[in-house]
Amino acid sequence: MAERDLTCQACDGTGLVADDENWQYQCPVCEGKGVVEPGAGREEAKVISTDTNNRVIE
């Protein structure tokens, strides 16, 4: 597998993402590393209970 295939697509390998005001934060996808291991971070989705109006039930 080529190194470019491991580069985090969310942050383009920088480890930082910016919001609309250009504040930079650690990338939540690669945790600031800039690379993503194959299959890493694939967790099962948590089911959230909602009512008929799609409001979250706590």
PDB file of N, CA and C in Angstrom:
ATOM      1  N   MET A   1       0.849  -1.171   0.000  1.00  0.00           N
ATOM      2  CA  MET A   1       0.000   0.000   0.000  1.00  0.00           C
ATOM      3  C   MET A   1       0.895   1.235   0.000  1.00  0.00           C
ATOM      4  N   ALA A   2       0.614   2.179  -0.853  1.00  0.00           N
ATOM      5  CA  ALA A   2       1.408   3.393  -0.964  1.00  0.00           C
ATOM      6  C   ALA A   2       1.163   4.293   0.239  1.00  0.00           C
ATOM      7  N   GLU A   3       2.176   5.104   0.542  1.00  0.00           N
ATOM      8  CA  GLU A   3       2.073   6.004   1.695  1.00  0.00           C
ATOM      9  C   GLU A   3       0.942   7.015   1.507  1.00  0.00           C
ATOM     10  N   ARG A   4       0.697   7.427   0.271  1.00  0.00           N
ATOM     11  CA  ARG A   4      -0.367   8.405   0.025  1.00  0.00           C
ATOM     12  C   ARG A   4      -1.734   7.816   0.323  1.00  0.00           C
ATOM     13  N   ASP A   5      -1.859   6.496   0.274  1.00  0.00           N
ATOM     14  CA  ASP A   5      -3.128   5.861   0.607  1.00  0.00           C
ATOM     15  C   ASP A   5      -3.412   5.923   2.103  1.00  0.00           C
ATOM     16  N   LEU A   6      -2.376   6.099   2.916  1.00  0.00           N
ATOM     17  CA  LEU A   6      -2.538   6.173   4.363  1.00  0.00           C
ATOM     18  C   LEU A   6      -2.745   7.602   4.846  1.00  0.00           C
ATOM     19  N   THR A   7      -2.544   8.585   3.975  1.00  0.00           N
ATOM     20  CA  THR A   7      -2.692   9.981   4.355  1.00  0.00           C
ATOM     21  C   THR A   7      -4.142  10.272   4.703  1.00  0.00           C
ATOM     22  N   CYS A   8      -4.341  10.949   5.815  1.00  0.00           N
ATOM     23  CA  CYS A   8      -5.691  11.288   6.261  1.00  0.00           C
ATOM     24  C   CYS A   8      -6.318  12.256   5.262  1.00  0.00           C
ATOM     25  N   GLN A   9      -7.482  11.898   4.755  1.00  0.00           N
ATOM     26  CA  GLN A   9      -8.151  12.743   3.776  1.00  0.00           C
ATOM     27  C   GLN A   9      -8.867  13.922   4.419  1.00  0.00           C
ATOM     28  N   ALA A  10      -9.170  13.825   5.693  1.00  0.00           N
ATOM     29  CA  ALA A  10      -9.865  14.911   6.376  1.00  0.00           C
ATOM     30  C   ALA A  10      -8.965  16.124   6.576  1.00  0.00           C
ATOM     31  N   CYS A  11      -7.668  15.890   6.833  1.00  0.00           N
ATOM     32  CA  CYS A  11      -6.746  16.998   7.095  1.00  0.00           C
ATOM     33  C   CYS A  11      -5.622  17.086   6.074  1.00  0.00           C
ATOM     34  N   ASP A  12      -5.655  16.263   5.043  1.00  0.00           N
ATOM     35  CA  ASP A  12      -4.619  16.222   3.999  1.00  0.00           C
ATOM     36  C   ASP A  12      -3.236  15.942   4.568  1.00  0.00           C
ATOM     37  N   GLY A  13      -3.178  15.207   5.665  1.00  0.00           N
ATOM     38  CA  GLY A  13      -1.908  14.794   6.235  1.00  0.00           C
ATOM     39  C   GLY A  13      -1.256  15.806   7.158  1.00  0.00           C
ATOM     40  N   THR A  14      -1.916  16.933   7.428  1.00  0.00           N
ATOM     41  CA  THR A  14      -1.328  17.950   8.305  1.00  0.00           C
ATOM     42  C   THR A  14      -1.584  17.680   9.777  1.00  0.00           C
ATOM     43  N   GLY A  15      -2.643  16.943  10.087  1.00  0.00           N
ATOM     44  CA  GLY A  15      -2.998  16.674  11.478  1.00  0.00           C
ATOM     45  C   GLY A  15      -3.866  17.762  12.073  1.00  0.00           C
ATOM     46  N   LEU A  16      -4.176  18.799  11.280  1.00  0.00           N
ATOM     47  CA  LEU A  16      -4.988  19.910  11.756  1.00  0.00           C
ATOM     48  C   LEU A  16      -6.152  20.147  10.811  1.00  0.00           C
ATOM     49  N   VAL A  17      -7.281  20.548  11.364  1.00  0.00           N
ATOM     50  CA  VAL A  17      -8.430  20.976  10.576  1.00  0.00           C
ATOM     51  C   VAL A  17      -8.805  22.377  11.045  1.00  0.00           C
ATOM     52  N   ALA A  18      -9.401  23.173  10.155  1.00  0.00           N
ATOM     53  CA  ALA A  18      -9.769  24.545  10.487  1.00  0.00           C
ATOM     54  C   ALA A  18     -11.277  24.724  10.383  1.00  0.00           C
ATOM     55  N   ASP A  19     -11.814  25.576  11.251  1.00  0.00           N
ATOM     56  CA  ASP A  19     -13.241  25.880  11.173  1.00  0.00           C
ATOM     57  C   ASP A  19     -13.453  27.063  10.233  1.00  0.00           C
ATOM     58  N   ASP A  20     -14.675  27.566  10.168  1.00  0.00           N
ATOM     59  CA  ASP A  20     -14.990  28.645   9.231  1.00  0.00           C
ATOM     60  C   ASP A  20     -14.317  29.970   9.597  1.00  0.00           C
ATOM     61  N   GLU A  21     -13.851  30.126  10.822  1.00  0.00           N
ATOM     62  CA  GLU A  21     -13.126  31.328  11.230  1.00  0.00           C
ATOM     63  C   GLU A  21     -11.619  31.114  11.204  1.00  0.00           C
ATOM     64  N   ASN A  22     -11.188  29.989  10.626  1.00  0.00           N
ATOM     65  CA  ASN A  22      -9.789  29.617  10.442  1.00  0.00           C
ATOM     66  C   ASN A  22      -9.055  29.292  11.744  1.00  0.00           C
ATOM     67  N   TRP A  23      -9.794  28.948  12.790  1.00  0.00           N
ATOM     68  CA  TRP A  23      -9.171  28.413  13.999  1.00  0.00           C
ATOM     69  C   TRP A  23      -8.794  26.979  13.689  1.00  0.00           C
ATOM     70  N   GLN A  24      -7.601  26.564  14.071  1.00  0.00           N
ATOM     71  CA  GLN A  24      -7.149  25.215  13.760  1.00  0.00           C
ATOM     72  C   GLN A  24      -7.240  24.320  14.987  1.00  0.00           C
ATOM     73  N   TYR A  25      -7.674  23.085  14.728  1.00  0.00           N
ATOM     74  CA  TYR A  25      -7.848  22.089  15.772  1.00  0.00           C
ATOM     75  C   TYR A  25      -7.215  20.779  15.339  1.00  0.00           C
ATOM     76  N   GLN A  26      -6.923  19.931  16.315  1.00  0.00           N
ATOM     77  CA  GLN A  26      -6.397  18.596  16.019  1.00  0.00           C
ATOM     78  C   GLN A  26      -7.451  17.810  15.256  1.00  0.00           C
ATOM     79  N   CYS A  27      -7.027  17.124  14.228  1.00  0.00           N
ATOM     80  CA  CYS A  27      -7.942  16.354  13.380  1.00  0.00           C
ATOM     81  C   CYS A  27      -8.567  15.216  14.195  1.00  0.00           C
ATOM     82  N   PRO A  28      -9.901  15.131  14.236  1.00  0.00           N
ATOM     83  CA  PRO A  28     -10.548  14.059  14.996  1.00  0.00           C
ATOM     84  C   PRO A  28     -10.485  12.698  14.298  1.00  0.00           C
ATOM     85  N   VAL A  29     -10.194  12.685  13.009  1.00  0.00           N
ATOM     86  CA  VAL A  29     -10.149  11.428  12.268  1.00  0.00           C
ATOM     87  C   VAL A  29      -8.843  10.694  12.541  1.00  0.00           C
ATOM     88  N   CYS A  30      -7.706  11.389  12.387  1.00  0.00           N
ATOM     89  CA  CYS A  30      -6.399  10.748  12.561  1.00  0.00           C
ATOM     90  C   CYS A  30      -5.771  11.072  13.912  1.00  0.00           C
ATOM     91  N   GLU A  31      -6.469  11.840  14.742  1.00  0.00           N
ATOM     92  CA  GLU A  31      -6.003  12.263  16.065  1.00  0.00           C
ATOM     93  C   GLU A  31      -4.697  13.043  15.990  1.00  0.00           C
ATOM     94  N   GLY A  32      -4.539  13.843  14.926  1.00  0.00           N
ATOM     95  CA  GLY A  32      -3.376  14.718  14.786  1.00  0.00           C
ATOM     96  C   GLY A  32      -2.142  14.058  14.213  1.00  0.00           C
ATOM     97  N   LYS A  33      -2.230  12.808  13.799  1.00  0.00           N
ATOM     98  CA  LYS A  33      -1.070  12.086  13.279  1.00  0.00           C
ATOM     99  C   LYS A  33      -0.838  12.340  11.800  1.00  0.00           C
ATOM    100  N   GLY A  34      -1.887  12.644  11.054  1.00  0.00           N
ATOM    101  CA  GLY A  34      -1.775  12.881   9.619  1.00  0.00           C
ATOM    102  C   GLY A  34      -1.901  11.630   8.774  1.00  0.00           C
ATOM    103  N   VAL A  35      -1.899  10.467   9.409  1.00  0.00           N
ATOM    104  CA  VAL A  35      -2.063   9.201   8.687  1.00  0.00           C
ATOM    105  C   VAL A  35      -3.146   8.371   9.379  1.00  0.00           C
ATOM    106  N   VAL A  36      -3.811   7.547   8.581  1.00  0.00           N
ATOM    107  CA  VAL A  36      -4.861   6.683   9.106  1.00  0.00           C
ATOM    108  C   VAL A  36      -4.494   5.250   8.762  1.00  0.00           C
ATOM    109  N   GLU A  37      -4.434   4.417   9.764  1.00  0.00           N
ATOM    110  CA  GLU A  37      -4.152   3.000   9.538  1.00  0.00           C
ATOM    111  C   GLU A  37      -5.374   2.340   8.916  1.00  0.00           C
ATOM    112  N   PRO A  38      -5.174   1.387   8.020  1.00  0.00           N
ATOM    113  CA  PRO A  38      -6.322   0.715   7.400  1.00  0.00           C
ATOM    114  C   PRO A  38      -7.202   0.039   8.449  1.00  0.00           C
ATOM    115  N   GLY A  39      -8.486   0.357   8.421  1.00  0.00           N
ATOM    116  CA  GLY A  39      -9.439  -0.244   9.350  1.00  0.00           C
ATOM    117  C   GLY A  39      -9.489   0.411  10.706  1.00  0.00           C
ATOM    118  N   ALA A  40      -8.632   1.384  10.977  1.00  0.00           N
ATOM    119  CA  ALA A  40      -8.624   2.036  12.284  1.00  0.00           C
ATOM    120  C   ALA A  40      -9.803   2.991  12.400  1.00  0.00           C
ATOM    121  N   GLY A  41     -10.332   3.114  13.580  1.00  0.00           N
ATOM    122  CA  GLY A  41     -11.405   4.052  13.851  1.00  0.00           C
ATOM    123  C   GLY A  41     -12.772   3.594  13.382  1.00  0.00           C
ATOM    124  N   ARG A  42     -12.883   2.381  12.957  1.00  0.00           N
ATOM    125  CA  ARG A  42     -14.187   1.886  12.514  1.00  0.00           C
ATOM    126  C   ARG A  42     -14.883   1.260  13.704  1.00  0.00           C
ATOM    127  N   GLU A  43     -15.717   2.058  14.315  1.00  0.00           N
ATOM    128  CA  GLU A  43     -16.464   1.592  15.473  1.00  0.00           C
ATOM    129  C   GLU A  43     -17.920   1.407  15.087  1.00  0.00           C
ATOM    130  N   GLU A  44     -18.582   0.569  15.818  1.00  0.00           N
ATOM    131  CA  GLU A  44     -19.993   0.342  15.548  1.00  0.00           C
ATOM    132  C   GLU A  44     -20.787   1.580  15.951  1.00  0.00           C
ATOM    133  N   ALA A  45     -21.728   1.972  15.127  1.00  0.00           N
ATOM    134  CA  ALA A  45     -22.540   3.155  15.398  1.00  0.00           C
ATOM    135  C   ALA A  45     -23.446   2.903  16.602  1.00  0.00           C
ATOM    136  N   LYS A  46     -23.592   3.924  17.433  1.00  0.00           N
ATOM    137  CA  LYS A  46     -24.454   3.836  18.595  1.00  0.00           C
ATOM    138  C   LYS A  46     -25.869   4.235  18.180  1.00  0.00           C
ATOM    139  N   VAL A  47     -26.839   3.411  18.510  1.00  0.00           N
ATOM    140  CA  VAL A  47     -28.223   3.700  18.168  1.00  0.00           C
ATOM    141  C   VAL A  47     -28.790   4.656  19.203  1.00  0.00           C
ATOM    142  N   ILE A  48     -29.382   5.738  18.715  1.00  0.00           N
ATOM    143  CA  ILE A  48     -29.975   6.738  19.600  1.00  0.00           C
ATOM    144  C   ILE A  48     -31.485   6.653  19.482  1.00  0.00           C
ATOM    145  N   SER A  49     -32.157   6.630  20.618  1.00  0.00           N
ATOM    146  CA  SER A  49     -33.617   6.577  20.617  1.00  0.00           C
ATOM    147  C   SER A  49     -34.174   7.952  20.286  1.00  0.00           C
ATOM    148  N   THR A  50     -35.154   7.998  19.381  1.00  0.00           N
ATOM    149  CA  THR A  50     -35.812   9.248  19.021  1.00  0.00           C
ATOM    150  C   THR A  50     -37.320   9.057  19.084  1.00  0.00           C
ATOM    151  N   ASP A  51     -38.032  10.184  19.223  1.00  0.00           N
ATOM    152  CA  ASP A  51     -39.484  10.116  19.199  1.00  0.00           C
ATOM    153  C   ASP A  51     -39.976  10.302  17.760  1.00  0.00           C
ATOM    154  N   THR A  52     -41.277  10.453  17.562  1.00  0.00           N
ATOM    155  CA  THR A  52     -41.836  10.553  16.211  1.00  0.00           C
ATOM    156  C   THR A  52     -41.404  11.831  15.485  1.00  0.00           C
ATOM    157  N   ASN A  53     -40.951  12.834  16.218  1.00  0.00           N
ATOM    158  CA  ASN A  53     -40.469  14.079  15.609  1.00  0.00           C
ATOM    159  C   ASN A  53     -38.943  14.097  15.467  1.00  0.00           C
ATOM    160  N   ASN A  54     -38.301  12.930  15.610  1.00  0.00           N
ATOM    161  CA  ASN A  54     -36.843  12.769  15.527  1.00  0.00           C
ATOM    162  C   ASN A  54     -36.085  13.571  16.573  1.00  0.00           C
ATOM    163  N   ARG A  55     -36.694  13.761  17.738  1.00  0.00           N
ATOM    164  CA  ARG A  55     -35.997  14.390  18.854  1.00  0.00           C
ATOM    165  C   ARG A  55     -35.337  13.291  19.673  1.00  0.00           C
ATOM    166  N   VAL A  56     -34.142  13.549  20.156  1.00  0.00           N
ATOM    167  CA  VAL A  56     -33.404  12.558  20.933  1.00  0.00           C
ATOM    168  C   VAL A  56     -34.066  12.367  22.277  1.00  0.00           C
ATOM    169  N   ILE A  57     -34.269  11.111  22.641  1.00  0.00           N
ATOM    170  CA  ILE A  57     -34.847  10.769  23.937  1.00  0.00           C
ATOM    171  C   ILE A  57     -33.698  10.406  24.870  1.00  0.00           C
ATOM    172  N   GLU A  58     -33.620  11.132  25.982  1.00  0.00           N
ATOM    173  CA  GLU A  58     -32.538  10.877  26.934  1.00  0.00           C
ATOM    174  C   GLU A  58     -32.986   9.973  28.049  1.00  0.00           C
TER     175      GLU A  58
END
